[in-house]
Amino acid sequence: MHELVSGLMQSLMPLTVGRRNLILNEVPRNLRVVGDESMLAYVLWTLMNSVIQSTQDKCIHIEAVKVDQHTMIRISGAGTYFYHSIAREYRQVQHVAQKLGGSISIQNAMDYGMNAAFFISNRLLIA
């Protein structure tokens, strides 16, 4: 998962630099997912792209956090226009996430600010 996120970050580097953002990949190197890598990449790329487009002059964190029977891949630091940025693709991204056995969530947490998250069942993970 760490390598996938790194590759997606590379593909989004021109946009990231243009928006004067910094992205930190804090996903553990040993976290592995059993599933369609293309579908997983689509979900994560869409969320990352939307966060970057809605954010300027920020540090964006991508991390994996265990929550009950799921692992949450959280992208924190989204800007105030995140809802507008993701709105066009939300249904399609949610549909693909569900095909992977997961879901996406958009949250405004007091301690993390606006963030996007992809929840995936721990039974699909290898750590």
Protein backbone atom coordinates (compact mmCIF):
# COMPACT_ATOMS: atom_id res chain seq x y z
CA MET A 1 0.00 0.00 0.00
CA HIS A 2 2.86 2.37 0.82
CA GLU A 3 4.35 1.89 -2.66
CA LEU A 4 0.96 2.43 -4.32
CA VAL A 5 0.44 5.69 -2.43
CA SER A 6 3.98 6.81 -3.35
CA GLY A 7 3.29 6.16 -7.03
CA LEU A 8 0.03 8.10 -6.87
CA MET A 9 1.82 10.96 -5.14
CA GLN A 10 4.36 11.05 -7.99
CA SER A 11 1.59 11.25 -10.59
CA LEU A 12 0.03 14.15 -8.70
CA MET A 13 3.32 16.00 -8.09
CA PRO A 14 2.76 18.75 -10.72
CA LEU A 15 -0.60 19.63 -9.15
CA THR A 16 0.85 19.38 -5.64
CA VAL A 17 3.73 21.73 -6.46
CA GLY A 18 1.42 24.11 -8.32
CA ARG A 19 -0.80 24.38 -5.23
CA ARG A 20 2.30 24.75 -3.00
CA ASN A 21 1.37 21.71 -0.93
CA LEU A 22 3.47 19.03 0.70
CA ILE A 23 2.27 15.42 0.91
CA LEU A 24 3.55 12.95 3.51
CA ASN A 25 3.07 9.22 2.98
CA GLU A 26 2.65 7.81 6.47
CA VAL A 27 1.17 4.46 5.38
CA PRO A 28 3.18 1.59 6.94
CA ARG A 29 5.49 -0.09 4.46
CA ASN A 30 4.29 -3.56 5.48
CA LEU A 31 0.56 -2.89 4.90
CA ARG A 32 -0.69 -5.00 1.99
CA VAL A 33 -4.17 -5.23 0.46
CA VAL A 34 -5.64 -8.24 -1.29
CA GLY A 35 -7.79 -6.86 -4.09
CA ASP A 36 -7.86 -5.21 -7.47
CA GLU A 37 -4.93 -2.77 -7.48
CA SER A 38 -6.41 -0.70 -10.32
CA MET A 39 -9.66 -0.16 -8.44
CA LEU A 40 -7.78 0.65 -5.26
CA ALA A 41 -5.56 3.11 -7.12
CA TYR A 42 -8.63 4.77 -8.67
CA VAL A 43 -10.27 5.31 -5.26
CA LEU A 44 -7.12 6.65 -3.62
CA TRP A 45 -6.07 8.79 -6.61
CA THR A 46 -9.50 10.41 -6.81
CA LEU A 47 -9.52 11.24 -3.11
CA MET A 48 -5.94 12.50 -3.18
CA ASN A 49 -6.55 14.57 -6.31
CA SER A 50 -9.63 16.19 -4.78
CA VAL A 51 -7.79 17.00 -1.55
CA ILE A 52 -4.87 18.54 -3.43
CA GLN A 53 -7.17 20.58 -5.72
CA SER A 54 -9.03 21.99 -2.73
CA THR A 55 -5.92 22.83 -0.71
CA GLN A 56 -3.17 25.40 -1.00
CA ASP A 57 -0.07 26.01 1.12
CA LYS A 58 -0.77 22.99 3.36
CA CYS A 59 0.78 19.76 4.53
CA ILE A 60 -1.39 16.79 3.53
CA HIS A 61 -0.98 13.55 5.46
CA ILE A 62 -1.88 10.10 4.14
CA GLU A 63 -1.96 7.49 6.88
CA ALA A 64 -3.44 4.13 7.80
CA VAL A 65 -5.38 3.86 11.07
CA LYS A 66 -7.05 0.71 12.44
CA VAL A 67 -10.70 1.27 13.38
CA ASP A 68 -12.50 -1.82 14.74
CA GLN A 69 -12.61 -4.43 11.93
CA HIS A 70 -11.47 -1.90 9.31
CA THR A 71 -8.39 0.02 8.36
CA MET A 72 -8.91 3.63 7.41
CA ILE A 73 -6.65 5.20 4.82
CA ARG A 74 -7.05 8.82 5.85
CA ILE A 75 -6.05 11.82 3.77
CA SER A 76 -6.05 14.76 6.15
CA GLY A 77 -5.57 18.42 5.49
CA ALA A 78 -8.25 18.96 2.83
CA GLY A 79 -9.13 22.55 2.07
CA THR A 80 -12.46 24.26 2.42
CA TYR A 81 -13.43 23.57 -1.21
CA PHE A 82 -13.00 19.79 -0.88
CA TYR A 83 -16.74 19.06 -1.04
CA HIS A 84 -17.00 20.96 -4.32
CA SER A 85 -13.94 19.18 -5.71
CA ILE A 86 -15.16 15.62 -4.93
CA ALA A 87 -18.88 16.15 -5.62
CA ARG A 88 -18.74 15.22 -9.32
CA GLU A 89 -17.13 11.85 -8.70
CA TYR A 90 -18.41 10.86 -5.26
CA ARG A 91 -20.98 8.26 -6.38
CA GLN A 92 -18.62 6.53 -8.78
CA VAL A 93 -15.77 6.44 -6.24
CA GLN A 94 -18.10 5.13 -3.54
CA HIS A 95 -19.33 2.41 -5.95
CA VAL A 96 -15.76 1.27 -6.70
CA ALA A 97 -14.89 1.36 -2.98
CA GLN A 98 -17.90 -0.87 -2.27
CA LYS A 99 -16.78 -3.33 -4.96
CA LEU A 100 -13.51 -3.59 -3.01
CA GLY A 101 -15.47 -4.31 0.17
CA GLY A 102 -14.93 -0.83 1.58
CA SER A 103 -16.43 2.63 1.68
CA ILE A 104 -15.36 6.26 1.58
CA SER A 105 -16.12 8.95 4.07
CA ILE A 106 -15.70 12.70 4.22
CA GLN A 107 -15.28 14.09 7.71
CA ASN A 108 -14.68 17.39 9.40
CA ALA A 109 -12.88 16.31 12.55
CA MET A 110 -11.98 18.86 15.20
CA ASP A 111 -8.44 17.49 15.67
CA TYR A 112 -7.64 16.71 12.00
CA GLY A 113 -9.71 19.28 10.11
CA MET A 114 -11.35 18.25 6.84
CA ASN A 115 -10.30 14.82 5.63
CA ALA A 116 -11.25 12.05 3.27
CA ALA A 117 -11.04 8.42 4.24
CA PHE A 118 -11.21 5.04 2.56
CA PHE A 119 -12.29 2.26 4.92
CA ILE A 120 -11.37 -1.30 3.97
CA SER A 121 -12.06 -4.52 5.85
CA ASN A 122 -9.09 -5.92 7.75
CA ARG A 123 -9.78 -9.32 6.22
CA LEU A 124 -8.50 -7.88 2.91
CA LEU A 125 -5.26 -6.71 4.50
CA ILE A 126 -1.96 -8.50 4.98
CA ALA A 127 0.41 -6.90 7.45
